[in-house]
Amino acid sequence: MIVLISGGVKSGKSSRALKLAREWQRPVSFIATAEALDDEMRERIERHKTERAGLDFTTIEEPLDLAAAIMRSGEYVLVDCLTMWVNNIMYYRREADFTGMLDAFIEGLRSKSGVIVVSNETGFGNIPADELSRRYNLLIAEANRKTAALADRVELMVAGLPLTVK
């Protein structure tokens, strides 16, 4: 079972993903893509760690090579999130590798018993004025489309409420 949870910023995606992962009642590999590059991100990461406290989760911190992280993970996996992963690809100037990295990640998902992937839906807003933001949105959209195509279920979070899309 592969589930994609998408939605806007602070729409409840991560909380929903944790709720679904708890329902497995099995050990879960939590693949964290965020890096603590500033104080705000450090605080966010700590909040997310606190939310996972007491759960049977093994955290794998991997900002770039999601395919390798998937292969190192157990049978049940929560990936949080594709949006930060795309950010990292751009930050580390690996855009030329994006398609191959995404395809390897997607292929890795097929080998697991349960996967929850979190991502942002960036396509609801205006077309950004700057070229960097437009490229970022296009990469996230491609990652979301390919993940959704493989997923058994897709949920869109709106104001903390899950809407089943697929």
N, C-alpha and C. Protein backbone atom coordinates (compact mmCIF):
# COMPACT_ATOMS: atom_id res chain seq x y z
N MET A 1 0.85 -1.19 0.00
CA MET A 1 0.00 0.00 0.00
C MET A 1 0.89 1.23 0.00
N ILE A 2 0.73 2.08 -0.98
CA ILE A 2 1.46 3.35 -1.08
C ILE A 2 0.44 4.47 -0.99
N VAL A 3 0.71 5.41 -0.07
CA VAL A 3 -0.19 6.55 0.14
C VAL A 3 0.62 7.83 -0.06
N LEU A 4 0.11 8.73 -0.88
CA LEU A 4 0.67 10.07 -1.03
C LEU A 4 -0.26 11.03 -0.30
N ILE A 5 0.33 11.84 0.59
CA ILE A 5 -0.43 12.88 1.28
C ILE A 5 0.15 14.21 0.83
N SER A 6 -0.69 15.02 0.18
CA SER A 6 -0.26 16.32 -0.31
C SER A 6 -1.16 17.39 0.28
N GLY A 7 -0.77 18.63 0.11
CA GLY A 7 -1.57 19.74 0.61
C GLY A 7 -0.72 20.97 0.76
N GLY A 8 -1.31 22.02 1.24
CA GLY A 8 -0.61 23.28 1.44
C GLY A 8 0.27 23.25 2.67
N VAL A 9 1.03 24.31 2.84
CA VAL A 9 1.89 24.47 4.00
C VAL A 9 1.03 24.49 5.26
N LYS A 10 1.43 23.70 6.27
CA LYS A 10 0.76 23.64 7.57
C LYS A 10 -0.69 23.17 7.48
N SER A 11 -0.98 22.33 6.49
CA SER A 11 -2.35 21.84 6.32
C SER A 11 -2.63 20.57 7.12
N GLY A 12 -1.61 20.02 7.79
CA GLY A 12 -1.80 18.82 8.59
C GLY A 12 -1.26 17.56 7.94
N LYS A 13 -0.41 17.71 6.93
CA LYS A 13 0.11 16.55 6.20
C LYS A 13 0.92 15.61 7.10
N SER A 14 1.87 16.16 7.82
CA SER A 14 2.74 15.33 8.66
C SER A 14 1.97 14.65 9.78
N SER A 15 1.05 15.37 10.39
CA SER A 15 0.22 14.77 11.45
C SER A 15 -0.62 13.63 10.90
N ARG A 16 -1.18 13.82 9.73
CA ARG A 16 -1.97 12.77 9.08
C ARG A 16 -1.10 11.56 8.77
N ALA A 17 0.10 11.80 8.27
CA ALA A 17 1.02 10.71 7.94
C ALA A 17 1.36 9.91 9.19
N LEU A 18 1.63 10.59 10.30
CA LEU A 18 1.94 9.90 11.55
C LEU A 18 0.74 9.06 12.02
N LYS A 19 -0.45 9.61 11.89
CA LYS A 19 -1.66 8.87 12.29
C LYS A 19 -1.79 7.59 11.48
N LEU A 20 -1.60 7.68 10.18
CA LEU A 20 -1.71 6.49 9.33
C LEU A 20 -0.60 5.48 9.65
N ALA A 21 0.61 5.98 9.88
CA ALA A 21 1.73 5.08 10.20
C ALA A 21 1.49 4.35 11.52
N ARG A 22 0.90 5.03 12.50
CA ARG A 22 0.59 4.38 13.78
C ARG A 22 -0.39 3.22 13.59
N GLU A 23 -1.29 3.36 12.64
CA GLU A 23 -2.30 2.33 12.39
C GLU A 23 -1.68 1.03 11.89
N TRP A 24 -0.48 1.09 11.32
CA TRP A 24 0.19 -0.14 10.88
C TRP A 24 0.53 -1.03 12.06
N GLN A 25 0.77 -0.42 13.21
CA GLN A 25 1.18 -1.16 14.42
C GLN A 25 2.38 -2.06 14.13
N ARG A 26 3.33 -1.50 13.42
CA ARG A 26 4.58 -2.18 13.06
C ARG A 26 5.72 -1.17 13.15
N PRO A 27 6.96 -1.65 13.20
CA PRO A 27 8.09 -0.71 13.14
C PRO A 27 8.06 0.07 11.81
N VAL A 28 8.36 1.35 11.89
CA VAL A 28 8.33 2.22 10.72
C VAL A 28 9.67 2.91 10.55
N SER A 29 10.17 2.91 9.33
CA SER A 29 11.36 3.70 9.00
C SER A 29 10.88 5.08 8.59
N PHE A 30 11.32 6.09 9.31
CA PHE A 30 10.95 7.48 9.03
C PHE A 30 12.11 8.11 8.27
N ILE A 31 11.89 8.41 6.99
CA ILE A 31 12.94 9.04 6.18
C ILE A 31 12.70 10.54 6.21
N ALA A 32 13.63 11.24 6.85
CA ALA A 32 13.55 12.70 7.01
C ALA A 32 14.46 13.35 5.98
N THR A 33 13.90 14.24 5.17
CA THR A 33 14.69 14.88 4.12
C THR A 33 15.19 16.27 4.51
N ALA A 34 14.65 16.84 5.56
CA ALA A 34 15.02 18.21 5.96
C ALA A 34 16.40 18.24 6.60
N GLU A 35 17.10 19.33 6.38
CA GLU A 35 18.37 19.58 7.03
C GLU A 35 18.24 20.82 7.89
N ALA A 36 18.93 20.83 9.01
CA ALA A 36 18.87 21.96 9.95
C ALA A 36 19.88 23.02 9.52
N LEU A 37 19.52 23.79 8.50
CA LEU A 37 20.44 24.81 7.98
C LEU A 37 20.28 26.17 8.66
N ASP A 38 19.21 26.33 9.43
CA ASP A 38 19.02 27.57 10.17
C ASP A 38 18.22 27.28 11.44
N ASP A 39 18.07 28.27 12.29
CA ASP A 39 17.39 28.08 13.57
C ASP A 39 15.93 27.65 13.39
N GLU A 40 15.24 28.27 12.44
CA GLU A 40 13.83 27.93 12.22
C GLU A 40 13.69 26.46 11.84
N MET A 41 14.56 25.98 10.94
CA MET A 41 14.47 24.59 10.53
C MET A 41 14.87 23.65 11.67
N ARG A 42 15.84 24.04 12.47
CA ARG A 42 16.21 23.23 13.63
C ARG A 42 15.02 23.06 14.57
N GLU A 43 14.29 24.14 14.80
CA GLU A 43 13.10 24.08 15.67
C GLU A 43 12.02 23.18 15.07
N ARG A 44 11.81 23.28 13.78
CA ARG A 44 10.82 22.44 13.11
C ARG A 44 11.17 20.97 13.20
N ILE A 45 12.45 20.67 12.98
CA ILE A 45 12.90 19.28 13.05
C ILE A 45 12.71 18.74 14.46
N GLU A 46 13.04 19.55 15.46
CA GLU A 46 12.85 19.11 16.85
C GLU A 46 11.38 18.87 17.18
N ARG A 47 10.48 19.73 16.66
CA ARG A 47 9.04 19.52 16.86
C ARG A 47 8.59 18.20 16.25
N HIS A 48 9.08 17.92 15.05
CA HIS A 48 8.71 16.67 14.38
C HIS A 48 9.25 15.46 15.15
N LYS A 49 10.47 15.57 15.68
CA LYS A 49 11.03 14.47 16.47
C LYS A 49 10.19 14.24 17.73
N THR A 50 9.75 15.31 18.36
CA THR A 50 8.91 15.20 19.55
C THR A 50 7.60 14.50 19.22
N GLU A 51 7.02 14.81 18.06
CA GLU A 51 5.77 14.17 17.64
C GLU A 51 5.94 12.66 17.46
N ARG A 52 7.16 12.23 17.10
CA ARG A 52 7.43 10.80 16.88
C ARG A 52 7.89 10.08 18.15
N ALA A 53 8.15 10.82 19.22
CA ALA A 53 8.66 10.21 20.46
C ALA A 53 7.72 9.13 20.94
N GLY A 54 8.29 8.03 21.39
CA GLY A 54 7.51 6.95 21.93
C GLY A 54 6.94 6.01 20.88
N LEU A 55 7.13 6.31 19.61
CA LEU A 55 6.66 5.44 18.54
C LEU A 55 7.79 4.53 18.09
N ASP A 56 7.44 3.40 17.52
CA ASP A 56 8.43 2.44 17.03
C ASP A 56 8.92 2.89 15.65
N PHE A 57 9.61 4.04 15.63
CA PHE A 57 10.13 4.61 14.39
C PHE A 57 11.65 4.60 14.43
N THR A 58 12.26 4.25 13.33
CA THR A 58 13.70 4.40 13.14
C THR A 58 13.88 5.53 12.14
N THR A 59 14.59 6.56 12.54
CA THR A 59 14.77 7.72 11.66
C THR A 59 16.00 7.55 10.79
N ILE A 60 15.81 7.78 9.50
CA ILE A 60 16.89 7.80 8.52
C ILE A 60 16.91 9.22 7.97
N GLU A 61 17.98 9.96 8.24
CA GLU A 61 18.10 11.32 7.72
C GLU A 61 18.82 11.26 6.38
N GLU A 62 18.11 11.65 5.33
CA GLU A 62 18.69 11.58 3.99
C GLU A 62 18.16 12.74 3.14
N PRO A 63 18.98 13.75 2.94
CA PRO A 63 18.53 14.92 2.18
C PRO A 63 18.50 14.74 0.67
N LEU A 64 19.24 13.77 0.12
CA LEU A 64 19.34 13.66 -1.34
C LEU A 64 19.01 12.29 -1.91
N ASP A 65 19.61 11.24 -1.42
CA ASP A 65 19.50 9.93 -2.04
C ASP A 65 18.34 9.13 -1.44
N LEU A 66 17.13 9.50 -1.85
CA LEU A 66 15.95 8.82 -1.33
C LEU A 66 15.91 7.35 -1.72
N ALA A 67 16.39 7.02 -2.90
CA ALA A 67 16.39 5.61 -3.32
C ALA A 67 17.23 4.78 -2.37
N ALA A 68 18.41 5.26 -2.01
CA ALA A 68 19.27 4.53 -1.08
C ALA A 68 18.62 4.43 0.30
N ALA A 69 17.96 5.51 0.74
CA ALA A 69 17.28 5.49 2.03
C ALA A 69 16.15 4.47 2.03
N ILE A 70 15.42 4.39 0.93
CA ILE A 70 14.34 3.40 0.81
C ILE A 70 14.92 2.00 0.91
N MET A 71 16.03 1.75 0.25
CA MET A 71 16.64 0.43 0.28
C MET A 71 17.16 0.07 1.68
N ARG A 72 17.58 1.05 2.47
CA ARG A 72 18.06 0.82 3.84
C ARG A 72 16.91 0.67 4.83
N SER A 73 15.73 1.06 4.44
CA SER A 73 14.60 1.10 5.37
C SER A 73 13.95 -0.27 5.52
N GLY A 74 13.05 -0.35 6.49
CA GLY A 74 12.28 -1.56 6.71
C GLY A 74 11.13 -1.67 5.73
N GLU A 75 10.22 -2.57 6.03
CA GLU A 75 9.08 -2.84 5.14
C GLU A 75 8.04 -1.73 5.15
N TYR A 76 7.99 -0.95 6.24
CA TYR A 76 7.01 0.13 6.38
C TYR A 76 7.77 1.44 6.50
N VAL A 77 7.42 2.39 5.63
CA VAL A 77 8.23 3.60 5.47
C VAL A 77 7.34 4.83 5.42
N LEU A 78 7.79 5.89 6.08
CA LEU A 78 7.16 7.20 5.98
C LEU A 78 8.23 8.17 5.48
N VAL A 79 7.99 8.81 4.36
CA VAL A 79 8.93 9.78 3.78
C VAL A 79 8.36 11.17 3.98
N ASP A 80 9.10 12.01 4.71
CA ASP A 80 8.64 13.37 5.00
C ASP A 80 9.80 14.33 4.76
N CYS A 81 9.88 15.03 3.67
CA CYS A 81 8.90 15.12 2.63
C CYS A 81 9.58 15.36 1.27
N LEU A 82 8.81 15.14 0.20
CA LEU A 82 9.34 15.36 -1.15
C LEU A 82 9.66 16.83 -1.40
N THR A 83 8.93 17.71 -0.78
CA THR A 83 9.14 19.14 -1.00
C THR A 83 10.53 19.56 -0.54
N MET A 84 10.94 19.11 0.63
CA MET A 84 12.30 19.42 1.12
C MET A 84 13.34 18.71 0.27
N TRP A 85 13.04 17.51 -0.18
CA TRP A 85 13.96 16.77 -1.04
C TRP A 85 14.25 17.55 -2.32
N VAL A 86 13.20 18.07 -2.95
CA VAL A 86 13.39 18.88 -4.16
C VAL A 86 14.20 20.14 -3.83
N ASN A 87 13.89 20.76 -2.70
CA ASN A 87 14.66 21.91 -2.26
C ASN A 87 16.15 21.56 -2.16
N ASN A 88 16.45 20.41 -1.56
CA ASN A 88 17.83 19.99 -1.38
C ASN A 88 18.51 19.72 -2.72
N ILE A 89 17.79 19.11 -3.64
CA ILE A 89 18.35 18.86 -4.97
C ILE A 89 18.77 20.18 -5.61
N MET A 90 17.92 21.18 -5.49
CA MET A 90 18.26 22.49 -6.07
C MET A 90 19.40 23.15 -5.29
N TYR A 91 19.34 23.08 -3.98
CA TYR A 91 20.36 23.70 -3.13
C TYR A 91 21.75 23.13 -3.42
N TYR A 92 21.81 21.81 -3.60
CA TYR A 92 23.09 21.16 -3.87
C TYR A 92 23.41 21.07 -5.37
N ARG A 93 22.62 21.78 -6.17
CA ARG A 93 22.85 21.88 -7.62
C ARG A 93 22.89 20.51 -8.30
N ARG A 94 21.86 19.71 -8.01
CA ARG A 94 21.76 18.37 -8.58
C ARG A 94 20.55 18.22 -9.51
N GLU A 95 20.07 19.34 -10.04
CA GLU A 95 18.89 19.30 -10.91
C GLU A 95 19.09 18.38 -12.11
N ALA A 96 20.29 18.33 -12.64
CA ALA A 96 20.56 17.47 -13.80
C ALA A 96 20.33 16.00 -13.47
N ASP A 97 20.40 15.65 -12.19
CA ASP A 97 20.22 14.27 -11.75
C ASP A 97 18.79 13.96 -11.31
N PHE A 98 17.92 14.98 -11.33
CA PHE A 98 16.59 14.85 -10.73
C PHE A 98 15.79 13.68 -11.30
N THR A 99 15.67 13.59 -12.61
CA THR A 99 14.81 12.56 -13.21
C THR A 99 15.28 11.16 -12.81
N GLY A 100 16.57 10.91 -12.88
CA GLY A 100 17.10 9.61 -12.48
C GLY A 100 16.89 9.33 -11.01
N MET A 101 17.10 10.36 -10.18
CA MET A 101 16.90 10.19 -8.74
C MET A 101 15.44 9.91 -8.42
N LEU A 102 14.54 10.62 -9.09
CA LEU A 102 13.11 10.41 -8.86
C LEU A 102 12.69 9.02 -9.32
N ASP A 103 13.14 8.61 -10.49
CA ASP A 103 12.78 7.29 -10.99
C ASP A 103 13.29 6.18 -10.07
N ALA A 104 14.51 6.33 -9.55
CA ALA A 104 15.06 5.33 -8.62
C ALA A 104 14.25 5.29 -7.33
N PHE A 105 13.84 6.45 -6.84
CA PHE A 105 12.99 6.52 -5.64
C PHE A 105 11.67 5.81 -5.88
N ILE A 106 11.02 6.12 -6.99
CA ILE A 106 9.73 5.52 -7.33
C ILE A 106 9.87 4.00 -7.42
N GLU A 107 10.92 3.53 -8.07
CA GLU A 107 11.15 2.09 -8.19
C GLU A 107 11.34 1.45 -6.82
N GLY A 108 12.05 2.14 -5.93
CA GLY A 108 12.27 1.62 -4.59
C GLY A 108 10.97 1.47 -3.80
N LEU A 109 10.02 2.37 -4.03
CA LEU A 109 8.74 2.29 -3.32
C LEU A 109 8.02 0.98 -3.58
N ARG A 110 8.20 0.44 -4.78
CA ARG A 110 7.52 -0.79 -5.18
C ARG A 110 7.92 -1.99 -4.31
N SER A 111 9.10 -1.90 -3.67
CA SER A 111 9.63 -3.04 -2.93
C SER A 111 9.15 -3.09 -1.48
N LYS A 112 8.34 -2.14 -1.06
CA LYS A 112 7.93 -2.05 0.35
C LYS A 112 6.49 -2.50 0.56
N SER A 113 6.20 -2.95 1.78
CA SER A 113 4.84 -3.38 2.12
C SER A 113 3.91 -2.21 2.37
N GLY A 114 4.44 -1.13 2.93
CA GLY A 114 3.64 0.05 3.22
C GLY A 114 4.50 1.30 3.14
N VAL A 115 3.99 2.29 2.43
CA VAL A 115 4.73 3.55 2.27
C VAL A 115 3.75 4.71 2.37
N ILE A 116 4.16 5.72 3.12
CA ILE A 116 3.44 6.99 3.15
C ILE A 116 4.44 8.06 2.72
N VAL A 117 4.06 8.84 1.72
CA VAL A 117 4.91 9.92 1.22
C VAL A 117 4.19 11.23 1.43
N VAL A 118 4.89 12.20 2.01
CA VAL A 118 4.34 13.53 2.26
C VAL A 118 4.94 14.50 1.26
N SER A 119 4.11 15.38 0.72
CA SER A 119 4.60 16.41 -0.19
C SER A 119 3.68 17.62 -0.14
N ASN A 120 4.15 18.73 -0.63
CA ASN A 120 3.32 19.92 -0.72
C ASN A 120 2.69 20.02 -2.10
N GLU A 121 1.51 20.59 -2.13
CA GLU A 121 0.86 20.90 -3.39
C GLU A 121 1.14 22.38 -3.68
N THR A 122 2.04 22.62 -4.59
CA THR A 122 2.44 24.01 -4.87
C THR A 122 1.70 24.59 -6.07
N GLY A 123 0.87 23.81 -6.72
CA GLY A 123 0.23 24.26 -7.95
C GLY A 123 -1.04 25.06 -7.78
N PHE A 124 -1.44 25.36 -6.55
CA PHE A 124 -2.68 26.09 -6.34
C PHE A 124 -2.52 27.61 -6.39
N GLY A 125 -1.29 28.09 -6.35
CA GLY A 125 -1.05 29.53 -6.29
C GLY A 125 -0.79 30.13 -7.65
N ASN A 126 -0.29 31.33 -7.61
CA ASN A 126 0.08 32.04 -8.83
C ASN A 126 1.33 31.42 -9.44
N ILE A 127 1.55 31.69 -10.70
CA ILE A 127 2.81 31.32 -11.33
C ILE A 127 3.86 32.29 -10.80
N PRO A 128 4.92 31.77 -10.16
CA PRO A 128 5.92 32.67 -9.56
C PRO A 128 6.58 33.57 -10.62
N ALA A 129 6.95 34.75 -10.19
CA ALA A 129 7.59 35.72 -11.09
C ALA A 129 9.03 35.35 -11.41
N ASP A 130 9.69 34.65 -10.48
CA ASP A 130 11.12 34.35 -10.71
C ASP A 130 11.31 32.94 -11.25
N GLU A 131 12.34 32.78 -12.04
CA GLU A 131 12.63 31.53 -12.73
C GLU A 131 12.97 30.40 -11.75
N LEU A 132 13.69 30.67 -10.68
CA LEU A 132 14.07 29.64 -9.71
C LEU A 132 12.83 29.01 -9.07
N SER A 133 11.88 29.84 -8.67
CA SER A 133 10.65 29.32 -8.05
C SER A 133 9.82 28.53 -9.05
N ARG A 134 9.79 28.96 -10.31
CA ARG A 134 9.05 28.21 -11.33
C ARG A 134 9.67 26.83 -11.53
N ARG A 135 11.00 26.75 -11.57
CA ARG A 135 11.69 25.46 -11.71
C ARG A 135 11.38 24.57 -10.51
N TYR A 136 11.43 25.14 -9.32
CA TYR A 136 11.13 24.41 -8.09
C TYR A 136 9.72 23.81 -8.16
N ASN A 137 8.74 24.62 -8.52
CA ASN A 137 7.36 24.14 -8.62
C ASN A 137 7.22 23.03 -9.66
N LEU A 138 7.92 23.15 -10.77
CA LEU A 138 7.83 22.13 -11.81
C LEU A 138 8.41 20.79 -11.33
N LEU A 139 9.52 20.85 -10.59
CA LEU A 139 10.11 19.61 -10.08
C LEU A 139 9.21 18.95 -9.04
N ILE A 140 8.65 19.75 -8.15
CA ILE A 140 7.72 19.19 -7.15
C ILE A 140 6.50 18.59 -7.85
N ALA A 141 5.98 19.28 -8.84
CA ALA A 141 4.82 18.77 -9.57
C ALA A 141 5.14 17.43 -10.23
N GLU A 142 6.32 17.30 -10.81
CA GLU A 142 6.70 16.04 -11.44
C GLU A 142 6.83 14.92 -10.40
N ALA A 143 7.47 15.22 -9.27
CA ALA A 143 7.60 14.23 -8.20
C ALA A 143 6.22 13.81 -7.69
N ASN A 144 5.33 14.76 -7.51
CA ASN A 144 3.98 14.45 -7.04
C ASN A 144 3.21 13.60 -8.05
N ARG A 145 3.30 13.97 -9.33
CA ARG A 145 2.57 13.22 -10.36
C ARG A 145 3.04 11.76 -10.43
N LYS A 146 4.37 11.57 -10.42
CA LYS A 146 4.89 10.20 -10.52
C LYS A 146 4.56 9.39 -9.28
N THR A 147 4.63 10.02 -8.12
CA THR A 147 4.29 9.31 -6.89
C THR A 147 2.80 8.99 -6.86
N ALA A 148 1.97 9.94 -7.26
CA ALA A 148 0.51 9.72 -7.27
C ALA A 148 0.12 8.63 -8.26
N ALA A 149 0.80 8.57 -9.39
CA ALA A 149 0.48 7.54 -10.38
C ALA A 149 0.72 6.14 -9.81
N LEU A 150 1.74 5.99 -9.00
CA LEU A 150 2.06 4.69 -8.39
C LEU A 150 1.20 4.41 -7.15
N ALA A 151 0.79 5.46 -6.47
CA ALA A 151 0.10 5.31 -5.18
C ALA A 151 -1.23 4.58 -5.31
N ASP A 152 -1.52 3.82 -4.27
CA ASP A 152 -2.83 3.18 -4.16
C ASP A 152 -3.87 4.19 -3.67
N ARG A 153 -3.42 5.15 -2.88
CA ARG A 153 -4.31 6.18 -2.33
C ARG A 153 -3.58 7.51 -2.33
N VAL A 154 -4.30 8.56 -2.66
CA VAL A 154 -3.79 9.93 -2.60
C VAL A 154 -4.77 10.75 -1.78
N GLU A 155 -4.23 11.44 -0.78
CA GLU A 155 -5.06 12.32 0.05
C GLU A 155 -4.57 13.75 -0.08
N LEU A 156 -5.50 14.67 -0.13
CA LEU A 156 -5.20 16.09 -0.13
C LEU A 156 -5.67 16.65 1.20
N MET A 157 -4.75 17.27 1.93
CA MET A 157 -5.10 17.85 3.23
C MET A 157 -5.56 19.29 3.02
N VAL A 158 -6.72 19.59 3.58
CA VAL A 158 -7.27 20.94 3.53
C VAL A 158 -7.72 21.30 4.94
N ALA A 159 -7.11 22.32 5.53
CA ALA A 159 -7.47 22.79 6.87
C ALA A 159 -7.50 21.64 7.88
N GLY A 160 -6.52 20.75 7.77
CA GLY A 160 -6.42 19.64 8.71
C GLY A 160 -7.31 18.46 8.40
N LEU A 161 -8.06 18.52 7.31
CA LEU A 161 -8.98 17.44 6.96
C LEU A 161 -8.49 16.72 5.70
N PRO A 162 -8.47 15.37 5.73
CA PRO A 162 -8.04 14.63 4.54
C PRO A 162 -9.18 14.45 3.55
N LEU A 163 -8.89 14.75 2.30
CA LEU A 163 -9.83 14.51 1.22
C LEU A 163 -9.22 13.42 0.34
N THR A 164 -9.95 12.35 0.11
CA THR A 164 -9.43 11.27 -0.72
C THR A 164 -9.57 11.68 -2.19
N VAL A 165 -8.43 11.68 -2.88
CA VAL A 165 -8.38 12.06 -4.29
C VAL A 165 -8.36 10.79 -5.16
N LYS A 166 -7.69 9.79 -4.64
CA LYS A 166 -7.56 8.52 -5.38
C LYS A 166 -7.66 7.39 -4.38
